[in-house]
């Protein structure tokens, strides 16, 4: 296989993530892909939030590179940050309630780090995107009702902007798709630069 072969139906992108939101975004963009989640330890990460997001994305992509020689790989990690404090995925209802109370009435930042591995197994791009999100003041009743929907679980910061959680978002500044889980504008731009995409939109 040509080491420079771009992403196509015959040679789809490998998404090293089990996120349904990222699958939906790539599908929306018309980029052929297969899913093969990277199995990494996400605990004990230190440093600036952007560094954490980029490092985890790189680890996810590289962790599957040996299994997919000759294919492009994308790893990504999204984190929610408020006052330099990283809010991960809630472990239970109490944790989700605590996060939503913290976010209530405040602005926070969503950072998605991503890493692209080429067909030779080399990391050719690692970058991140930031989006500012403003959340309305939430009552205890609203928080409890939202948690009862089950949507906060498995979501960084305990909410999904593309779902029911949209009711709490007053304003965003930056890339909407970044808050969902993949900054499509930046990723597509970088993929073209490194040769993962020959052109965009793709001609099917």
N, C-alpha and C. Protein backbone atom coordinates (compact mmCIF):
# COMPACT_ATOMS: atom_id res chain seq x y z
N UNK A 1 0.84 -1.20 0.00
CA UNK A 1 0.00 0.00 0.00
C UNK A 1 0.87 1.25 0.00
N UNK A 2 0.50 2.21 -0.80
CA UNK A 2 1.23 3.47 -0.87
C UNK A 2 1.22 4.15 0.48
N UNK A 3 2.40 4.50 1.00
CA UNK A 3 2.50 5.10 2.33
C UNK A 3 1.81 6.44 2.40
N UNK A 4 1.59 7.07 1.24
CA UNK A 4 0.96 8.39 1.21
C UNK A 4 -0.50 8.33 0.78
N UNK A 5 -1.07 7.13 0.72
CA UNK A 5 -2.45 7.00 0.27
C UNK A 5 -3.38 7.76 1.21
N UNK A 6 -4.20 8.67 0.67
CA UNK A 6 -5.11 9.43 1.52
C UNK A 6 -6.32 8.59 1.95
N UNK A 7 -7.09 9.14 2.86
CA UNK A 7 -8.29 8.47 3.35
C UNK A 7 -9.30 8.31 2.21
N UNK A 8 -9.90 7.12 2.14
CA UNK A 8 -10.90 6.84 1.11
C UNK A 8 -11.80 5.71 1.62
N UNK A 9 -12.80 5.35 0.84
CA UNK A 9 -13.65 4.22 1.22
C UNK A 9 -12.83 2.94 1.29
N UNK A 10 -11.84 2.82 0.41
CA UNK A 10 -11.00 1.63 0.39
C UNK A 10 -9.98 1.64 1.53
N UNK A 11 -9.62 2.83 2.00
CA UNK A 11 -8.66 2.97 3.09
C UNK A 11 -9.19 3.99 4.09
N UNK A 12 -10.20 3.60 4.90
CA UNK A 12 -10.85 4.55 5.80
C UNK A 12 -9.96 4.98 6.97
N UNK A 13 -10.29 6.13 7.50
CA UNK A 13 -9.65 6.63 8.71
C UNK A 13 -9.99 5.69 9.87
N UNK A 14 -9.02 5.48 10.76
CA UNK A 14 -9.28 4.71 11.99
C UNK A 14 -9.51 5.71 13.11
N UNK A 15 -10.69 5.68 13.70
CA UNK A 15 -11.02 6.56 14.82
C UNK A 15 -10.72 5.81 16.11
N UNK A 16 -9.69 6.26 16.83
CA UNK A 16 -9.28 5.59 18.07
C UNK A 16 -10.09 6.12 19.24
N UNK A 17 -11.41 6.00 19.15
CA UNK A 17 -12.31 6.52 20.17
C UNK A 17 -13.63 5.78 20.07
N UNK A 18 -14.27 5.54 21.21
CA UNK A 18 -15.57 4.88 21.20
C UNK A 18 -16.71 5.88 21.31
N UNK A 19 -16.40 7.18 21.23
CA UNK A 19 -17.41 8.22 21.37
C UNK A 19 -18.41 8.21 20.21
N UNK A 20 -19.69 8.08 20.54
CA UNK A 20 -20.73 8.12 19.52
C UNK A 20 -20.81 9.51 18.89
N UNK A 21 -20.50 10.54 19.68
CA UNK A 21 -20.56 11.92 19.16
C UNK A 21 -19.49 12.13 18.08
N UNK A 22 -18.32 11.58 18.30
CA UNK A 22 -17.26 11.72 17.29
C UNK A 22 -17.61 10.92 16.03
N UNK A 23 -18.23 9.78 16.20
CA UNK A 23 -18.67 9.00 15.05
C UNK A 23 -19.67 9.81 14.22
N UNK A 24 -20.61 10.44 14.91
CA UNK A 24 -21.64 11.22 14.21
C UNK A 24 -21.04 12.39 13.46
N UNK A 25 -20.04 13.05 14.06
CA UNK A 25 -19.42 14.20 13.41
C UNK A 25 -18.64 13.79 12.17
N UNK A 26 -17.89 12.70 12.25
CA UNK A 26 -17.16 12.23 11.06
C UNK A 26 -18.12 11.78 9.97
N UNK A 27 -19.21 11.14 10.39
CA UNK A 27 -20.21 10.73 9.41
C UNK A 27 -20.86 11.94 8.75
N UNK A 28 -21.13 12.96 9.55
CA UNK A 28 -21.71 14.20 9.05
C UNK A 28 -20.79 14.85 8.01
N UNK A 29 -19.49 14.75 8.24
CA UNK A 29 -18.51 15.35 7.34
C UNK A 29 -18.26 14.50 6.10
N UNK A 30 -18.78 13.28 6.10
CA UNK A 30 -18.60 12.40 4.94
C UNK A 30 -17.21 11.80 4.84
N UNK A 31 -16.53 11.67 5.98
CA UNK A 31 -15.20 11.08 6.00
C UNK A 31 -15.31 9.58 6.30
N UNK A 32 -14.88 8.70 5.39
CA UNK A 32 -14.96 7.26 5.65
C UNK A 32 -14.09 6.89 6.87
N UNK A 33 -14.64 6.09 7.77
CA UNK A 33 -13.87 5.73 8.97
C UNK A 33 -14.34 4.41 9.54
N UNK A 34 -13.47 3.82 10.35
CA UNK A 34 -13.76 2.65 11.17
C UNK A 34 -13.41 3.00 12.60
N UNK A 35 -14.07 2.35 13.53
CA UNK A 35 -13.83 2.63 14.95
C UNK A 35 -13.01 1.51 15.58
N UNK A 36 -11.95 1.90 16.26
CA UNK A 36 -11.14 0.97 17.03
C UNK A 36 -10.61 1.73 18.25
N UNK A 37 -11.35 1.69 19.37
CA UNK A 37 -10.98 2.49 20.54
C UNK A 37 -9.58 2.18 21.06
N UNK A 38 -8.85 3.25 21.38
CA UNK A 38 -7.55 3.10 22.00
C UNK A 38 -7.70 2.80 23.48
N UNK A 39 -7.04 1.78 23.97
CA UNK A 39 -7.13 1.39 25.37
C UNK A 39 -5.94 1.97 26.13
N UNK A 40 -6.18 3.09 26.83
CA UNK A 40 -5.10 3.75 27.56
C UNK A 40 -5.54 4.09 28.97
N UNK A 41 -4.58 4.37 29.83
CA UNK A 41 -4.84 4.81 31.19
C UNK A 41 -4.95 6.34 31.19
N UNK A 42 -6.15 6.86 31.49
CA UNK A 42 -6.37 8.30 31.46
C UNK A 42 -6.19 8.95 32.83
N UNK A 43 -5.79 8.18 33.81
CA UNK A 43 -5.63 8.73 35.17
C UNK A 43 -4.23 9.30 35.36
N UNK A 44 -4.09 10.06 36.43
CA UNK A 44 -2.79 10.61 36.86
C UNK A 44 -2.14 11.52 35.83
N UNK A 45 -2.92 12.20 35.03
CA UNK A 45 -2.37 13.16 34.08
C UNK A 45 -2.18 14.51 34.76
N UNK A 46 -1.04 15.13 34.52
CA UNK A 46 -0.75 16.43 35.10
C UNK A 46 -0.35 17.41 34.01
N UNK A 47 -0.42 18.70 34.36
CA UNK A 47 -0.02 19.74 33.42
C UNK A 47 -1.18 20.62 33.03
N UNK A 48 -0.94 21.52 32.09
CA UNK A 48 -1.98 22.42 31.60
C UNK A 48 -3.08 21.60 30.93
N UNK A 49 -4.34 22.06 31.01
CA UNK A 49 -5.45 21.32 30.39
C UNK A 49 -5.22 21.00 28.92
N UNK A 50 -4.69 21.94 28.16
CA UNK A 50 -4.45 21.70 26.73
C UNK A 50 -3.41 20.60 26.54
N UNK A 51 -2.40 20.57 27.41
CA UNK A 51 -1.38 19.52 27.35
C UNK A 51 -1.99 18.16 27.65
N UNK A 52 -2.87 18.11 28.64
CA UNK A 52 -3.53 16.85 28.99
C UNK A 52 -4.35 16.32 27.82
N UNK A 53 -5.14 17.21 27.20
CA UNK A 53 -6.00 16.80 26.09
C UNK A 53 -5.17 16.30 24.90
N UNK A 54 -4.10 17.01 24.59
CA UNK A 54 -3.25 16.63 23.46
C UNK A 54 -2.51 15.32 23.75
N UNK A 55 -2.03 15.17 24.97
CA UNK A 55 -1.30 13.95 25.33
C UNK A 55 -2.19 12.72 25.28
N UNK A 56 -3.40 12.83 25.83
CA UNK A 56 -4.32 11.71 25.80
C UNK A 56 -4.73 11.36 24.37
N UNK A 57 -4.93 12.38 23.55
CA UNK A 57 -5.28 12.13 22.15
C UNK A 57 -4.16 11.37 21.44
N UNK A 58 -2.93 11.80 21.69
CA UNK A 58 -1.78 11.14 21.08
C UNK A 58 -1.64 9.70 21.53
N UNK A 59 -1.86 9.46 22.81
CA UNK A 59 -1.76 8.09 23.34
C UNK A 59 -2.82 7.19 22.73
N UNK A 60 -4.04 7.73 22.56
CA UNK A 60 -5.11 6.93 21.96
C UNK A 60 -4.76 6.53 20.52
N UNK A 61 -4.30 7.51 19.75
CA UNK A 61 -3.97 7.24 18.35
C UNK A 61 -2.81 6.26 18.23
N UNK A 62 -1.76 6.49 19.00
CA UNK A 62 -0.57 5.65 18.90
C UNK A 62 -0.81 4.23 19.40
N UNK A 63 -1.77 4.10 20.37
CA UNK A 63 -2.01 2.78 20.95
C UNK A 63 -2.59 1.78 19.95
N UNK A 64 -3.19 2.26 18.86
CA UNK A 64 -3.76 1.34 17.88
C UNK A 64 -2.94 1.30 16.58
N UNK A 65 -1.86 2.08 16.53
CA UNK A 65 -1.10 2.20 15.28
C UNK A 65 -0.51 0.87 14.81
N UNK A 66 -0.12 0.01 15.76
CA UNK A 66 0.47 -1.27 15.37
C UNK A 66 -0.54 -2.19 14.72
N UNK A 67 -1.83 -1.98 15.02
CA UNK A 67 -2.88 -2.84 14.47
C UNK A 67 -3.36 -2.38 13.10
N UNK A 68 -3.00 -1.15 12.71
CA UNK A 68 -3.52 -0.61 11.46
C UNK A 68 -2.41 0.03 10.63
N UNK A 69 -1.39 -0.74 10.35
CA UNK A 69 -0.31 -0.27 9.49
C UNK A 69 -0.86 0.05 8.11
N UNK A 70 -0.50 1.22 7.60
CA UNK A 70 -0.95 1.61 6.27
C UNK A 70 -2.23 2.42 6.25
N UNK A 71 -2.77 2.75 7.45
CA UNK A 71 -3.98 3.56 7.50
C UNK A 71 -3.78 4.78 8.41
N UNK A 72 -4.50 5.84 8.09
CA UNK A 72 -4.47 7.05 8.92
C UNK A 72 -5.30 6.83 10.17
N UNK A 73 -4.83 7.39 11.28
CA UNK A 73 -5.47 7.19 12.58
C UNK A 73 -5.71 8.55 13.24
N UNK A 74 -6.87 8.68 13.86
CA UNK A 74 -7.21 9.91 14.59
C UNK A 74 -7.55 9.59 16.03
N UNK A 75 -6.85 10.23 16.96
CA UNK A 75 -7.18 10.12 18.38
C UNK A 75 -7.65 11.48 18.87
N UNK A 76 -8.58 11.51 19.81
CA UNK A 76 -9.08 12.78 20.32
C UNK A 76 -9.49 12.65 21.78
N UNK A 77 -9.41 13.76 22.48
CA UNK A 77 -9.84 13.78 23.88
C UNK A 77 -10.40 15.16 24.20
N UNK A 78 -11.59 15.20 24.78
CA UNK A 78 -12.25 16.46 25.11
C UNK A 78 -12.35 16.62 26.62
N UNK A 79 -11.97 17.80 27.10
CA UNK A 79 -12.08 18.08 28.53
C UNK A 79 -12.77 19.42 28.74
N UNK A 80 -13.41 19.53 29.89
CA UNK A 80 -14.09 20.77 30.29
C UNK A 80 -13.27 21.40 31.41
N UNK A 81 -13.02 22.70 31.27
CA UNK A 81 -12.14 23.38 32.23
C UNK A 81 -12.83 24.62 32.79
N UNK A 82 -12.81 24.75 34.09
CA UNK A 82 -13.32 25.95 34.76
C UNK A 82 -12.29 26.39 35.80
N UNK A 83 -11.78 27.59 35.61
CA UNK A 83 -10.76 28.13 36.53
C UNK A 83 -9.58 27.17 36.69
N UNK A 84 -9.09 26.64 35.56
CA UNK A 84 -7.96 25.71 35.53
C UNK A 84 -8.24 24.38 36.19
N UNK A 85 -9.50 24.13 36.53
CA UNK A 85 -9.88 22.85 37.13
C UNK A 85 -10.56 21.99 36.06
N UNK A 86 -10.00 20.81 35.82
CA UNK A 86 -10.55 19.93 34.79
C UNK A 86 -11.72 19.13 35.33
N UNK A 87 -12.84 19.20 34.60
CA UNK A 87 -14.03 18.43 34.96
C UNK A 87 -14.14 17.25 34.00
N UNK A 88 -13.97 16.05 34.52
CA UNK A 88 -14.03 14.86 33.68
C UNK A 88 -15.44 14.32 33.57
N UNK A 89 -15.55 13.01 33.35
CA UNK A 89 -16.86 12.37 33.25
C UNK A 89 -17.33 12.02 34.67
N UNK A 90 -18.59 12.25 34.99
CA UNK A 90 -19.07 11.97 36.35
C UNK A 90 -19.06 10.48 36.67
N UNK A 91 -18.71 10.17 37.90
CA UNK A 91 -18.67 8.76 38.30
C UNK A 91 -20.02 8.29 38.83
N UNK A 92 -20.84 9.24 39.29
CA UNK A 92 -22.17 8.90 39.80
C UNK A 92 -23.05 10.14 39.80
N UNK A 93 -24.27 10.02 40.31
CA UNK A 93 -25.22 11.14 40.30
C UNK A 93 -24.71 12.31 41.13
N UNK A 94 -24.11 12.01 42.28
CA UNK A 94 -23.62 13.07 43.16
C UNK A 94 -22.51 13.86 42.47
N UNK A 95 -21.65 13.15 41.75
CA UNK A 95 -20.56 13.80 41.03
C UNK A 95 -21.12 14.68 39.90
N UNK A 96 -22.11 14.17 39.18
CA UNK A 96 -22.74 14.95 38.11
C UNK A 96 -23.40 16.20 38.68
N UNK A 97 -24.08 16.05 39.80
CA UNK A 97 -24.74 17.21 40.43
C UNK A 97 -23.71 18.25 40.84
N UNK A 98 -22.60 17.80 41.40
CA UNK A 98 -21.55 18.72 41.83
C UNK A 98 -20.98 19.49 40.64
N UNK A 99 -20.73 18.81 39.52
CA UNK A 99 -20.18 19.48 38.34
C UNK A 99 -21.16 20.51 37.78
N UNK A 100 -22.43 20.13 37.69
CA UNK A 100 -23.42 21.04 37.12
C UNK A 100 -23.61 22.27 38.01
N UNK A 101 -23.50 22.09 39.31
CA UNK A 101 -23.58 23.23 40.22
C UNK A 101 -22.39 24.17 40.02
N UNK A 102 -21.23 23.59 39.78
CA UNK A 102 -20.03 24.38 39.54
C UNK A 102 -20.16 25.18 38.25
N UNK A 103 -20.71 24.56 37.21
CA UNK A 103 -20.84 25.21 35.91
C UNK A 103 -21.97 26.25 35.88
N UNK A 104 -22.94 26.11 36.75
CA UNK A 104 -24.12 26.98 36.75
C UNK A 104 -23.78 28.46 36.84
N UNK A 105 -24.27 29.23 35.86
CA UNK A 105 -24.10 30.68 35.86
C UNK A 105 -22.70 31.15 35.52
N UNK A 106 -21.87 30.29 34.98
CA UNK A 106 -20.48 30.66 34.72
C UNK A 106 -20.06 30.34 33.28
N UNK A 107 -18.93 30.89 32.90
CA UNK A 107 -18.30 30.56 31.62
C UNK A 107 -17.24 29.50 31.86
N UNK A 108 -17.16 28.55 30.96
CA UNK A 108 -16.10 27.55 31.06
C UNK A 108 -15.53 27.30 29.66
N UNK A 109 -14.44 26.58 29.62
CA UNK A 109 -13.76 26.31 28.36
C UNK A 109 -13.83 24.82 28.04
N UNK A 110 -14.08 24.51 26.78
CA UNK A 110 -14.03 23.13 26.31
C UNK A 110 -12.81 23.01 25.39
N UNK A 111 -11.94 22.08 25.72
CA UNK A 111 -10.71 21.87 24.96
C UNK A 111 -10.71 20.46 24.39
N UNK A 112 -10.57 20.36 23.08
CA UNK A 112 -10.42 19.04 22.45
C UNK A 112 -9.02 18.95 21.85
N UNK A 113 -8.26 17.99 22.32
CA UNK A 113 -6.96 17.70 21.74
C UNK A 113 -7.13 16.61 20.71
N UNK A 114 -6.35 16.65 19.64
CA UNK A 114 -6.43 15.58 18.65
C UNK A 114 -5.04 15.29 18.10
N UNK A 115 -4.87 14.06 17.66
CA UNK A 115 -3.58 13.62 17.14
C UNK A 115 -3.81 12.76 15.90
N UNK A 116 -3.00 13.00 14.87
CA UNK A 116 -3.12 12.25 13.62
C UNK A 116 -1.86 11.42 13.42
N UNK A 117 -2.04 10.13 13.18
CA UNK A 117 -0.93 9.21 12.90
C UNK A 117 -1.01 8.83 11.43
N UNK A 118 0.10 8.92 10.71
CA UNK A 118 0.08 8.64 9.28
C UNK A 118 0.17 7.14 8.98
N UNK A 119 0.20 6.81 7.70
CA UNK A 119 0.18 5.41 7.30
C UNK A 119 1.47 4.66 7.61
N UNK A 120 2.50 5.39 8.02
CA UNK A 120 3.77 4.77 8.43
C UNK A 120 3.86 4.63 9.95
N UNK A 121 2.78 5.00 10.64
CA UNK A 121 2.76 4.88 12.10
C UNK A 121 3.42 6.04 12.83
N UNK A 122 3.60 7.17 12.13
CA UNK A 122 4.24 8.34 12.74
C UNK A 122 3.19 9.38 13.12
N UNK A 123 3.35 9.98 14.30
CA UNK A 123 2.47 11.08 14.69
C UNK A 123 2.89 12.31 13.89
N UNK A 124 2.02 12.77 13.00
CA UNK A 124 2.37 13.89 12.12
C UNK A 124 1.69 15.18 12.52
N UNK A 125 0.73 15.11 13.43
CA UNK A 125 0.05 16.33 13.87
C UNK A 125 -0.58 16.11 15.23
N UNK A 126 -0.33 17.03 16.13
CA UNK A 126 -1.01 17.06 17.42
C UNK A 126 -1.39 18.50 17.68
N UNK A 127 -2.66 18.73 17.94
CA UNK A 127 -3.16 20.10 18.07
C UNK A 127 -4.35 20.11 19.03
N UNK A 128 -4.89 21.27 19.29
CA UNK A 128 -6.10 21.36 20.11
C UNK A 128 -6.91 22.59 19.72
N UNK A 129 -8.17 22.57 20.11
CA UNK A 129 -9.08 23.69 19.84
C UNK A 129 -9.78 24.05 21.15
N UNK A 130 -10.05 25.35 21.31
CA UNK A 130 -10.73 25.83 22.51
C UNK A 130 -12.05 26.52 22.14
N UNK A 131 -13.08 26.29 22.93
CA UNK A 131 -14.35 26.97 22.75
C UNK A 131 -14.86 27.41 24.13
N UNK A 132 -15.30 28.65 24.22
CA UNK A 132 -15.85 29.17 25.47
C UNK A 132 -17.35 28.94 25.49
N UNK A 133 -17.86 28.41 26.60
CA UNK A 133 -19.28 28.12 26.75
C UNK A 133 -19.83 28.83 27.97
N UNK A 134 -20.96 29.52 27.78
CA UNK A 134 -21.63 30.23 28.88
C UNK A 134 -22.87 29.45 29.29
N UNK A 135 -22.95 29.10 30.57
CA UNK A 135 -24.08 28.32 31.10
C UNK A 135 -24.98 29.22 31.93
N UNK A 136 -26.27 29.07 31.74
CA UNK A 136 -27.22 29.86 32.52
C UNK A 136 -27.24 29.38 33.97
N UNK A 137 -27.83 30.17 34.83
CA UNK A 137 -27.97 29.76 36.23
C UNK A 137 -28.98 28.62 36.30
N UNK A 138 -28.57 27.53 36.90
CA UNK A 138 -29.42 26.34 36.97
C UNK A 138 -30.02 26.17 38.35
N UNK A 139 -31.31 25.89 38.41
CA UNK A 139 -31.95 25.61 39.70
C UNK A 139 -31.67 24.15 40.08
N UNK A 140 -31.84 23.84 41.36
CA UNK A 140 -31.65 22.46 41.80
C UNK A 140 -32.62 21.52 41.08
N UNK A 141 -33.83 22.01 40.83
CA UNK A 141 -34.84 21.20 40.14
C UNK A 141 -34.39 20.88 38.72
N UNK A 142 -33.83 21.87 38.02
CA UNK A 142 -33.35 21.66 36.66
C UNK A 142 -32.19 20.67 36.64
N UNK A 143 -31.28 20.82 37.60
CA UNK A 143 -30.13 19.92 37.66
C UNK A 143 -30.57 18.48 37.90
N UNK A 144 -31.48 18.29 38.88
CA UNK A 144 -31.93 16.94 39.20
C UNK A 144 -32.71 16.32 38.04
N UNK A 145 -33.52 17.14 37.36
CA UNK A 145 -34.29 16.63 36.23
C UNK A 145 -33.37 16.24 35.08
N UNK A 146 -32.32 17.03 34.87
CA UNK A 146 -31.39 16.71 33.79
C UNK A 146 -30.62 15.44 34.10
N UNK A 147 -30.19 15.28 35.33
CA UNK A 147 -29.48 14.06 35.73
C UNK A 147 -30.38 12.84 35.55
N UNK A 148 -31.67 13.02 35.83
CA UNK A 148 -32.63 11.92 35.71
C UNK A 148 -32.77 11.42 34.27
N UNK A 149 -32.43 12.26 33.30
CA UNK A 149 -32.50 11.82 31.89
C UNK A 149 -31.38 10.83 31.57
N UNK A 150 -30.33 10.82 32.39
CA UNK A 150 -29.20 9.93 32.15
C UNK A 150 -28.17 10.49 31.20
N UNK A 151 -28.46 11.64 30.57
CA UNK A 151 -27.56 12.18 29.57
C UNK A 151 -26.19 12.61 30.11
N UNK A 152 -26.10 13.14 31.34
CA UNK A 152 -24.80 13.61 31.82
C UNK A 152 -23.71 12.54 31.91
N UNK A 153 -24.10 11.28 32.02
CA UNK A 153 -23.11 10.24 32.25
C UNK A 153 -22.34 9.90 30.96
N UNK A 154 -21.03 9.79 31.15
CA UNK A 154 -20.17 9.54 30.00
C UNK A 154 -19.80 10.81 29.25
N UNK A 155 -20.19 11.97 29.80
CA UNK A 155 -19.90 13.25 29.16
C UNK A 155 -18.97 14.08 30.04
N UNK A 156 -17.91 14.62 29.46
CA UNK A 156 -17.03 15.52 30.20
C UNK A 156 -17.82 16.74 30.64
N UNK A 157 -17.73 17.08 31.92
CA UNK A 157 -18.48 18.21 32.45
C UNK A 157 -19.93 17.90 32.77
N UNK A 158 -20.36 16.68 32.50
CA UNK A 158 -21.72 16.22 32.82
C UNK A 158 -22.82 16.85 31.97
N UNK A 159 -22.51 17.22 30.73
CA UNK A 159 -23.59 17.71 29.86
C UNK A 159 -23.25 17.46 28.40
N UNK A 160 -24.29 17.45 27.57
CA UNK A 160 -24.13 17.27 26.12
C UNK A 160 -24.80 18.43 25.41
N UNK A 161 -24.02 19.28 24.77
CA UNK A 161 -24.57 20.46 24.11
C UNK A 161 -25.47 20.08 22.93
N UNK A 162 -25.22 18.91 22.32
CA UNK A 162 -26.00 18.49 21.17
C UNK A 162 -27.26 17.75 21.56
N UNK A 163 -27.49 17.60 22.87
CA UNK A 163 -28.67 16.88 23.35
C UNK A 163 -29.56 17.77 24.20
N UNK A 164 -30.14 17.16 25.22
CA UNK A 164 -31.02 17.90 26.14
C UNK A 164 -30.25 19.02 26.82
N UNK A 165 -28.95 18.81 27.03
CA UNK A 165 -28.12 19.80 27.71
C UNK A 165 -28.04 21.15 27.02
N UNK A 166 -28.53 21.22 25.77
CA UNK A 166 -28.53 22.50 25.06
C UNK A 166 -29.34 23.56 25.80
N UNK A 167 -30.30 23.13 26.64
CA UNK A 167 -31.16 24.10 27.34
C UNK A 167 -30.38 24.99 28.30
N UNK A 168 -29.21 24.53 28.73
CA UNK A 168 -28.46 25.29 29.71
C UNK A 168 -27.40 26.20 29.10
N UNK A 169 -27.17 26.06 27.79
CA UNK A 169 -26.11 26.83 27.14
C UNK A 169 -26.66 28.16 26.61
N UNK A 170 -26.16 29.25 27.17
CA UNK A 170 -26.60 30.58 26.75
C UNK A 170 -25.85 31.08 25.51
N UNK A 171 -24.56 30.77 25.45
CA UNK A 171 -23.75 31.32 24.37
C UNK A 171 -22.47 30.49 24.24
N UNK A 172 -21.98 30.40 23.01
CA UNK A 172 -20.65 29.82 22.81
C UNK A 172 -19.82 30.77 21.96
N UNK A 173 -18.52 30.75 22.19
CA UNK A 173 -17.58 31.53 21.39
C UNK A 173 -16.53 30.56 20.86
N UNK A 174 -16.64 30.25 19.58
CA UNK A 174 -15.70 29.30 18.98
C UNK A 174 -16.44 28.23 18.21
N UNK A 175 -15.77 27.12 18.00
CA UNK A 175 -16.25 26.02 17.18
C UNK A 175 -17.26 25.16 17.95
N UNK A 176 -18.50 25.12 17.44
CA UNK A 176 -19.55 24.32 18.09
C UNK A 176 -19.18 22.84 18.09
N UNK A 177 -18.69 22.33 16.95
CA UNK A 177 -18.39 20.90 16.86
C UNK A 177 -17.29 20.50 17.85
N UNK A 178 -16.46 21.45 18.25
CA UNK A 178 -15.44 21.19 19.25
C UNK A 178 -16.06 20.81 20.58
N UNK A 179 -17.16 21.48 20.93
CA UNK A 179 -17.85 21.18 22.19
C UNK A 179 -18.51 19.81 22.13
N UNK A 180 -18.95 19.42 20.93
CA UNK A 180 -19.56 18.10 20.76
C UNK A 180 -18.50 17.00 20.90
N UNK A 181 -17.27 17.28 20.42
CA UNK A 181 -16.23 16.27 20.59
C UNK A 181 -15.13 16.24 19.55
N UNK A 182 -15.31 16.96 18.41
CA UNK A 182 -14.27 17.03 17.39
C UNK A 182 -14.35 18.39 16.70
N UNK A 183 -13.28 19.16 16.72
CA UNK A 183 -13.26 20.44 16.00
C UNK A 183 -13.07 20.19 14.51
N UNK A 184 -14.15 19.95 13.81
CA UNK A 184 -14.07 19.53 12.41
C UNK A 184 -13.28 20.49 11.54
N UNK A 185 -13.52 21.80 11.71
CA UNK A 185 -12.83 22.78 10.87
C UNK A 185 -11.31 22.62 10.97
N UNK A 186 -10.80 22.56 12.20
CA UNK A 186 -9.36 22.47 12.42
C UNK A 186 -8.82 21.11 12.00
N UNK A 187 -9.54 20.04 12.31
CA UNK A 187 -9.06 18.70 11.97
C UNK A 187 -8.99 18.50 10.46
N UNK A 188 -10.01 18.93 9.75
CA UNK A 188 -10.00 18.79 8.29
C UNK A 188 -8.86 19.60 7.68
N UNK A 189 -8.65 20.80 8.20
CA UNK A 189 -7.54 21.64 7.72
C UNK A 189 -6.21 20.93 7.92
N UNK A 190 -6.00 20.38 9.11
CA UNK A 190 -4.74 19.68 9.40
C UNK A 190 -4.60 18.40 8.56
N UNK A 191 -5.69 17.70 8.34
CA UNK A 191 -5.63 16.48 7.54
C UNK A 191 -5.22 16.77 6.10
N UNK A 192 -5.69 17.86 5.57
CA UNK A 192 -5.28 18.26 4.22
C UNK A 192 -3.80 18.62 4.21
N UNK A 193 -3.35 19.34 5.24
CA UNK A 193 -1.95 19.76 5.32
C UNK A 193 -0.99 18.57 5.37
N UNK A 194 -1.36 17.51 6.10
CA UNK A 194 -0.45 16.37 6.26
C UNK A 194 -0.67 15.29 5.21
N UNK A 195 -1.66 15.46 4.34
CA UNK A 195 -1.88 14.50 3.27
C UNK A 195 -2.88 13.41 3.58
N UNK A 196 -3.54 13.48 4.74
CA UNK A 196 -4.54 12.47 5.06
C UNK A 196 -5.77 12.61 4.16
N UNK A 197 -6.07 13.83 3.78
CA UNK A 197 -7.15 14.11 2.84
C UNK A 197 -6.54 14.80 1.61
N UNK A 198 -6.88 14.30 0.43
CA UNK A 198 -6.39 14.92 -0.79
C UNK A 198 -7.18 16.18 -1.09
N UNK A 199 -8.47 16.14 -0.75
CA UNK A 199 -9.36 17.28 -0.98
C UNK A 199 -10.53 17.18 -0.02
N UNK A 200 -11.30 18.26 0.05
CA UNK A 200 -12.50 18.25 0.87
C UNK A 200 -13.45 19.32 0.34
N UNK A 201 -14.76 18.99 0.26
CA UNK A 201 -15.40 17.73 0.57
C UNK A 201 -14.92 16.58 -0.32
N UNK A 202 -15.03 15.36 0.21
CA UNK A 202 -14.62 14.18 -0.54
C UNK A 202 -15.64 13.87 -1.63
N UNK A 203 -15.15 13.48 -2.79
CA UNK A 203 -16.02 13.04 -3.88
C UNK A 203 -16.28 11.56 -3.70
N UNK A 204 -17.51 11.22 -3.42
CA UNK A 204 -17.87 9.82 -3.11
C UNK A 204 -18.00 9.01 -4.40
